[in-house]
Protein backbone atom coordinates (compact mmCIF):
# COMPACT_ATOMS: atom_id res chain seq x y z
CA MET A 1 60.88 0.13 -109.72
CA ASP A 2 59.49 -0.84 -106.31
CA ILE A 3 62.48 -2.19 -104.38
CA LYS A 4 61.74 -3.60 -100.92
CA PHE A 5 64.28 -4.99 -98.49
CA SER A 6 63.99 -7.53 -95.69
CA ILE A 7 66.85 -6.84 -93.26
CA ILE A 8 67.95 -9.91 -91.29
CA ILE A 9 69.71 -9.28 -87.96
CA PRO A 10 70.84 -12.42 -86.08
CA LEU A 11 71.05 -11.68 -82.37
CA TYR A 12 73.06 -13.41 -79.67
CA ASN A 13 74.35 -11.54 -76.61
CA LYS A 14 74.92 -8.15 -78.23
CA GLU A 15 73.27 -5.89 -75.64
CA ASP A 16 76.08 -3.34 -75.93
CA TYR A 17 75.69 -2.99 -79.69
CA VAL A 18 72.25 -3.97 -81.00
CA LEU A 19 70.53 -0.61 -80.48
CA LYS A 20 73.29 1.23 -82.34
CA THR A 21 72.93 -1.34 -85.12
CA LEU A 22 69.18 -0.82 -85.32
CA TYR A 23 69.46 2.97 -85.25
CA SER A 24 71.84 2.73 -88.22
CA VAL A 25 68.94 1.04 -90.05
CA PHE A 26 66.34 3.57 -88.90
CA ASN A 27 68.59 6.40 -90.16
CA GLN A 28 68.68 5.05 -93.72
CA THR A 29 67.85 7.51 -96.48
CA TYR A 30 66.02 4.67 -98.26
CA THR A 31 63.10 3.58 -96.08
CA ASN A 32 61.24 0.82 -97.93
CA TYR A 33 62.17 -2.08 -95.67
CA GLU A 34 61.23 -4.44 -92.87
CA VAL A 35 63.58 -5.53 -90.08
CA ILE A 36 63.63 -9.11 -88.81
CA VAL A 37 65.66 -9.66 -85.64
CA VAL A 38 66.14 -13.32 -84.74
CA ASN A 39 67.11 -13.93 -81.12
CA ASP A 40 69.18 -17.11 -80.85
CA CYS A 41 68.59 -17.60 -77.10
CA SER A 42 70.59 -14.64 -75.86
CA THR A 43 71.46 -14.82 -72.18
CA ASP A 44 71.90 -11.06 -71.76
CA ASN A 45 69.48 -8.15 -72.18
CA SER A 46 69.65 -8.02 -75.99
CA ALA A 47 66.11 -9.12 -76.78
CA GLU A 48 64.57 -6.86 -74.12
CA LEU A 49 66.35 -3.86 -75.63
CA VAL A 50 64.90 -4.66 -79.05
CA LYS A 51 61.41 -5.04 -77.55
CA SER A 52 61.74 -1.69 -75.81
CA LEU A 53 61.88 0.10 -79.17
CA LYS A 54 58.23 -0.74 -79.90
CA ASP A 55 58.80 -0.03 -83.58
CA SER A 56 56.32 -1.53 -86.05
CA ARG A 57 59.06 -1.97 -88.65
CA VAL A 58 60.83 -4.50 -86.42
CA LYS A 59 59.78 -8.13 -86.07
CA LEU A 60 61.46 -9.98 -83.20
CA LEU A 61 61.59 -13.76 -83.61
CA ALA A 62 63.04 -16.17 -81.06
CA HIS A 63 64.57 -19.63 -81.17
CA LYS A 64 63.64 -22.06 -78.40
CA LYS A 65 67.24 -23.26 -78.27
CA ASN A 66 70.56 -21.91 -79.47
CA LEU A 67 71.05 -23.00 -83.09
CA GLY A 68 73.99 -20.89 -84.25
CA LEU A 69 74.48 -18.07 -86.74
CA SER A 70 73.66 -19.94 -89.95
CA ALA A 71 70.37 -21.34 -88.66
CA THR A 72 69.49 -17.92 -87.23
CA ARG A 73 69.99 -16.25 -90.61
CA ASN A 74 67.92 -19.00 -92.23
CA THR A 75 65.05 -18.35 -89.80
CA GLY A 76 65.10 -14.71 -90.83
CA ILE A 77 65.19 -15.58 -94.54
CA THR A 78 62.16 -17.85 -94.16
CA ALA A 79 60.23 -15.08 -92.38
CA ALA A 80 61.18 -12.40 -94.92
CA THR A 81 58.32 -11.01 -97.01
CA HIS A 82 60.34 -8.91 -99.48
CA GLU A 83 62.37 -9.85 -102.57
CA TYR A 84 65.75 -8.46 -101.52
CA ILE A 85 67.40 -9.88 -98.40
CA ALA A 86 69.95 -7.69 -96.61
CA PHE A 87 72.12 -9.09 -93.83
CA LEU A 88 73.39 -7.06 -90.88
CA ASP A 89 75.16 -8.50 -87.83
CA ALA A 90 74.00 -7.13 -84.48
CA ASP A 91 77.34 -5.45 -83.72
CA ASP A 92 77.87 -3.81 -87.13
CA CYS A 93 76.44 -0.58 -88.52
CA TRP A 94 75.41 0.79 -91.88
CA LYS A 95 76.12 4.28 -93.06
CA LYS A 96 72.86 6.09 -93.78
CA THR A 97 73.18 5.66 -97.57
CA PHE A 98 73.73 1.88 -97.61
CA LEU A 99 70.27 0.84 -98.81
CA GLU A 100 70.11 3.81 -101.18
CA GLN A 101 73.36 2.68 -102.79
CA ILE A 102 72.18 -0.92 -103.04
CA SER A 103 68.93 0.23 -104.67
CA LYS A 104 71.01 2.14 -107.24
CA LEU A 105 72.97 -1.05 -107.96
CA ILE A 106 69.71 -2.94 -108.48
CA VAL A 107 68.53 -0.33 -110.99
CA THR A 108 71.92 -0.13 -112.75
CA PHE A 109 72.31 -3.92 -113.00
CA PRO A 110 68.71 -5.18 -113.36
CA ARG A 111 69.74 -8.70 -114.44
CA GLN A 112 71.91 -9.32 -111.36
CA LYS A 113 70.80 -10.95 -108.12
CA VAL A 114 73.68 -10.35 -105.66
CA PHE A 115 74.81 -6.89 -104.53
CA ALA A 116 77.35 -5.43 -102.10
CA THR A 117 79.40 -2.40 -101.14
CA PHE A 118 82.85 -1.98 -99.64
CA TYR A 119 83.28 -1.59 -95.87
CA GLU A 120 85.56 -0.34 -93.11
CA GLU A 121 86.66 -2.08 -89.91
CA ASN A 122 86.64 -0.84 -86.34
CA PHE A 123 89.75 -2.38 -84.79
CA ASN A 124 90.02 -1.28 -81.15
CA GLY A 125 88.63 2.12 -82.05
CA LYS A 126 90.91 2.51 -85.09
CA ILE A 127 88.94 2.72 -88.35
CA LEU A 128 90.76 0.74 -91.04
CA SER A 129 90.05 0.38 -94.73
CA PRO A 130 90.97 -3.21 -95.72
CA LYS A 131 93.61 -3.60 -98.41
CA VAL A 132 91.84 -5.40 -101.23
CA LYS A 133 92.67 -6.29 -104.84
CA ILE A 134 90.68 -3.48 -106.43
CA PRO A 135 92.57 -0.61 -108.13
CA ASP A 136 92.32 2.74 -106.37
CA ASN A 137 90.95 4.39 -109.52
CA LYS A 138 87.79 2.29 -109.07
CA LYS A 139 86.90 3.99 -105.78
CA GLY A 140 83.46 5.54 -105.80
CA THR A 141 82.36 3.56 -108.87
CA SER A 142 79.94 0.69 -109.44
CA PHE A 143 80.83 -2.31 -111.59
CA LEU A 144 80.08 -5.97 -112.21
CA ILE A 145 82.44 -8.60 -110.78
CA THR A 146 82.38 -11.73 -112.93
CA ASN A 147 85.12 -13.65 -111.06
CA PHE A 148 84.59 -13.21 -107.33
CA PHE A 149 87.29 -15.70 -106.35
CA GLU A 150 90.14 -14.10 -108.30
CA LEU A 151 89.43 -10.74 -106.67
CA ASN A 152 89.10 -12.18 -103.16
CA MET A 153 92.37 -14.09 -102.89
CA GLY A 154 93.21 -12.16 -99.73
CA ARG A 155 91.15 -9.64 -97.83
CA LEU A 156 87.51 -10.01 -98.81
CA ILE A 157 85.92 -7.10 -100.66
CA LEU A 158 82.69 -7.62 -98.70
CA THR A 159 81.31 -9.02 -95.46
CA GLN A 160 77.91 -10.45 -94.62
CA SER A 161 76.83 -7.05 -93.29
CA CYS A 162 77.22 -5.33 -96.66
CA LEU A 163 75.62 -8.08 -98.74
CA VAL A 164 72.15 -8.09 -100.32
CA VAL A 165 70.82 -11.15 -102.12
CA LYS A 166 67.62 -11.85 -104.01
CA LYS A 167 65.54 -14.36 -102.08
CA GLU A 168 65.38 -16.75 -105.05
CA VAL A 169 69.20 -17.09 -104.96
CA LEU A 170 69.12 -18.17 -101.32
CA LYS A 171 66.48 -20.76 -102.13
CA ASN A 172 68.46 -22.09 -105.10
CA ILE A 173 71.70 -22.56 -103.14
CA ASN A 174 69.84 -23.98 -100.12
CA HIS A 175 70.39 -21.01 -97.80
CA TYR A 176 73.22 -21.13 -95.23
CA ASP A 177 74.55 -24.49 -94.10
CA ALA A 178 73.07 -24.77 -90.60
CA SER A 179 75.51 -27.55 -89.69
CA LEU A 180 78.41 -25.05 -89.76
CA THR A 181 79.29 -22.85 -86.81
CA PHE A 182 82.56 -21.38 -88.11
CA ALA A 183 83.41 -19.74 -91.47
CA GLU A 184 79.90 -20.36 -92.74
CA ASP A 185 80.31 -17.17 -94.77
CA ILE A 186 83.18 -18.67 -96.78
CA ASP A 187 81.11 -21.76 -97.57
CA PHE A 188 78.24 -19.47 -98.58
CA TYR A 189 80.43 -17.38 -100.90
CA ILE A 190 81.71 -20.47 -102.68
CA ARG A 191 78.20 -21.78 -103.33
CA CYS A 192 76.79 -18.35 -104.21
CA PHE A 193 79.51 -16.93 -106.45
CA SER A 194 80.10 -20.18 -108.29
CA LYS A 195 76.71 -19.43 -109.87
CA HIS A 196 76.26 -15.65 -109.68
CA LYS A 197 78.07 -12.44 -110.52
CA LEU A 198 78.33 -9.58 -108.03
CA ALA A 199 77.08 -6.03 -108.65
CA TYR A 200 79.42 -3.97 -106.51
CA HIS A 201 80.02 -0.40 -105.37
CA TYR A 202 83.59 0.33 -104.28
CA GLU A 203 82.92 2.76 -101.48
CA SER A 204 82.42 2.04 -97.79
CA HIS A 205 78.81 2.08 -96.64
CA CYS A 206 79.26 -0.26 -93.67
CA LEU A 207 81.34 -0.36 -90.48
CA ILE A 208 82.34 -3.81 -89.22
CA ASN A 209 83.21 -4.28 -85.57
CA THR A 210 86.16 -6.70 -85.47
CA THR A 211 86.97 -6.54 -81.75
CA VAL A 212 83.70 -7.53 -80.08
CA PHE A 213 84.22 -10.03 -77.26
CA GLY A 214 82.60 -13.34 -78.17
CA SER A 215 82.61 -12.74 -81.90
CA LEU A 216 83.95 -15.55 -84.10
CA THR A 217 87.01 -13.50 -84.99
CA GLN A 218 87.92 -13.25 -81.31
CA SER A 219 86.65 -16.46 -79.68
CA ASN A 220 88.10 -19.96 -79.49
CA THR A 221 86.74 -22.31 -82.16
CA ARG A 222 87.29 -25.60 -80.36
CA ASP A 223 83.56 -26.26 -80.14
CA LYS A 224 82.87 -24.96 -83.67
CA THR A 225 82.21 -26.94 -86.84
CA TYR A 226 84.44 -25.93 -89.74
CA PRO A 227 83.25 -26.29 -93.35
CA ASN A 228 84.67 -29.00 -95.57
CA LEU A 229 85.78 -26.65 -98.32
CA LYS A 230 87.63 -29.26 -100.33
CA LYS A 231 84.34 -30.82 -101.45
CA HIS A 232 83.83 -27.70 -103.58
CA THR A 233 87.11 -28.05 -105.52
CA GLY A 234 87.23 -28.86 -109.21
CA GLN A 235 84.96 -26.04 -110.44
CA SER A 236 87.67 -23.68 -111.69
CA LEU A 237 91.28 -22.69 -111.11
CA HIS A 238 90.34 -19.53 -109.21
CA THR A 239 87.77 -21.32 -107.06
CA ASP A 240 90.34 -23.95 -106.11
CA LYS A 241 92.92 -21.31 -105.24
CA PHE A 242 90.35 -19.51 -103.05
CA ILE A 243 89.47 -22.78 -101.30
CA PHE A 244 93.05 -23.84 -100.57
CA PHE A 245 93.87 -20.35 -99.33
CA TYR A 246 91.08 -20.59 -96.76
CA MET A 247 92.13 -24.08 -95.77
CA TYR A 248 95.54 -22.51 -95.07
CA CYS A 249 93.78 -19.85 -92.95
CA PHE A 250 91.96 -22.55 -91.01
CA CYS A 251 95.27 -24.31 -90.30
CA GLN A 252 96.72 -21.12 -88.86
CA ARG A 253 93.67 -20.63 -86.65
CA LEU A 254 93.90 -24.21 -85.37
CA LYS A 255 97.64 -23.77 -84.78
CA LEU A 256 97.03 -20.79 -82.50
CA GLU A 257 94.60 -22.96 -80.52
CA LYS A 258 97.27 -25.69 -80.20
CA ARG A 259 95.16 -28.24 -82.08
CA PHE A 260 98.18 -29.70 -83.79
CA ASP A 261 96.71 -33.05 -84.86
CA GLU A 262 93.90 -31.23 -86.67
CA VAL A 263 96.41 -28.87 -88.25
CA LYS A 264 98.37 -31.78 -89.70
CA LYS A 265 95.26 -33.52 -91.06
CA LEU A 266 94.01 -30.38 -92.74
CA ARG A 267 97.47 -29.32 -93.96
CA ASP A 268 97.93 -32.65 -95.69
CA LYS A 269 94.81 -31.91 -97.78
CA ILE A 270 96.16 -28.59 -99.10
CA ASP A 271 97.63 -28.47 -102.60
CA LEU A 272 100.65 -26.25 -101.90
CA LYS A 273 100.94 -25.07 -105.49
CA TYR A 274 98.01 -22.74 -104.80
CA LEU A 275 99.86 -20.95 -101.96
CA ASN A 276 102.65 -18.40 -102.25
CA ILE A 277 106.09 -19.04 -100.71
CA LEU A 278 105.46 -16.96 -97.60
CA GLN A 279 102.18 -18.76 -96.93
CA VAL A 280 103.90 -22.15 -97.22
CA ILE A 281 106.58 -21.03 -94.76
CA LEU A 282 103.96 -19.78 -92.28
CA LEU A 283 101.94 -22.95 -92.74
CA TYR A 284 104.84 -25.04 -91.42
CA LEU A 285 106.07 -22.49 -88.89
CA PRO A 286 105.82 -23.77 -85.27
CA GLN A 287 103.13 -22.34 -83.02
CA LEU A 288 105.27 -20.14 -80.79
CA PRO A 289 107.01 -18.01 -83.43
CA TYR A 290 103.75 -17.81 -85.39
CA LYS A 291 101.95 -16.56 -82.28
CA LEU A 292 104.60 -13.88 -81.83
CA LEU A 293 104.11 -12.80 -85.44
CA ILE A 294 100.36 -12.46 -84.86
CA LYS A 295 100.95 -10.30 -81.79
CA PHE A 296 103.28 -8.10 -83.83
CA LYS A 297 100.67 -7.88 -86.60
CA LYS A 298 98.02 -6.71 -84.11
CA LEU A 299 100.42 -4.09 -82.79
CA LEU A 300 100.93 -2.77 -86.32
CA MET A 301 97.16 -2.75 -86.95
CA ARG A 302 96.62 -0.57 -83.88
CA LYS A 303 98.93 1.92 -85.59
CA GLY A 304 96.90 1.70 -88.78
CA ILE A 305 99.39 -0.55 -90.61
CA GLN A 306 97.98 -3.65 -92.30
CA PRO A 307 100.66 -6.30 -92.94
CA THR A 308 99.59 -9.14 -95.21
CA THR A 309 100.75 -12.41 -96.71
CA TYR A 310 98.08 -12.32 -99.39
CA TYR A 311 100.17 -11.05 -102.28
């Protein structure tokens, strides 16, 4: 079975990370791939560093104006020449066996079109393994996930950097929504996993950098466009619960940014029966005490403790 990967790396101002990211690709034990780096008008030295590699496996494309992460991924998808599209953010890294493990999933589950592995997070130099809803006795095994939303009602079991999708799937769901500049991954998961199962390996093959300055997890979202998740409701009970949970998450993000009118508008659209009691309490908690709770949570995370309201 001749499995070939097109690796899409969106690039915007990641000069401190992009070479490490690329070297994590070059060190893969599975080597049948092309790399497509799409520069979204970086204002630092990122693109020049990629050019300096002079590696024939790497194609460097460039936007004429800044279009955002979704459009940048779409540019890479359009340019891809291979059947399997792998995504890797320019500040994340793969372990050397990532593509090898994905290729094993493709062989093991030949009828499936979406594949992923577990991951770890680099939080201020502390490597954390996210607490997800997969039993510990599944670690190190591969299996088929038929209900993505039920299993992801909390910490996600994947990120964009450990996801591989057949190109035909991306075409059928109309790629990423280029109008979105925040939480485009959540919108993508809803559209993708409403139609497809996930072939999954429960072992970390990817390291996600969660503390990069300027990343969406760290930056203000005032100038970002959030997805309208509610338009996707009505497909199933688990999909609806997933959607309302992320609407709750959006409210909490907006609250921290003191965008109280937007919080109220979005909160009024949430069906509270899909949230647990603690989430409802936090949803209506004023900004100041909630902000203090977040600071306390970050302090615990630096000690390797992961408090959660997911369960």
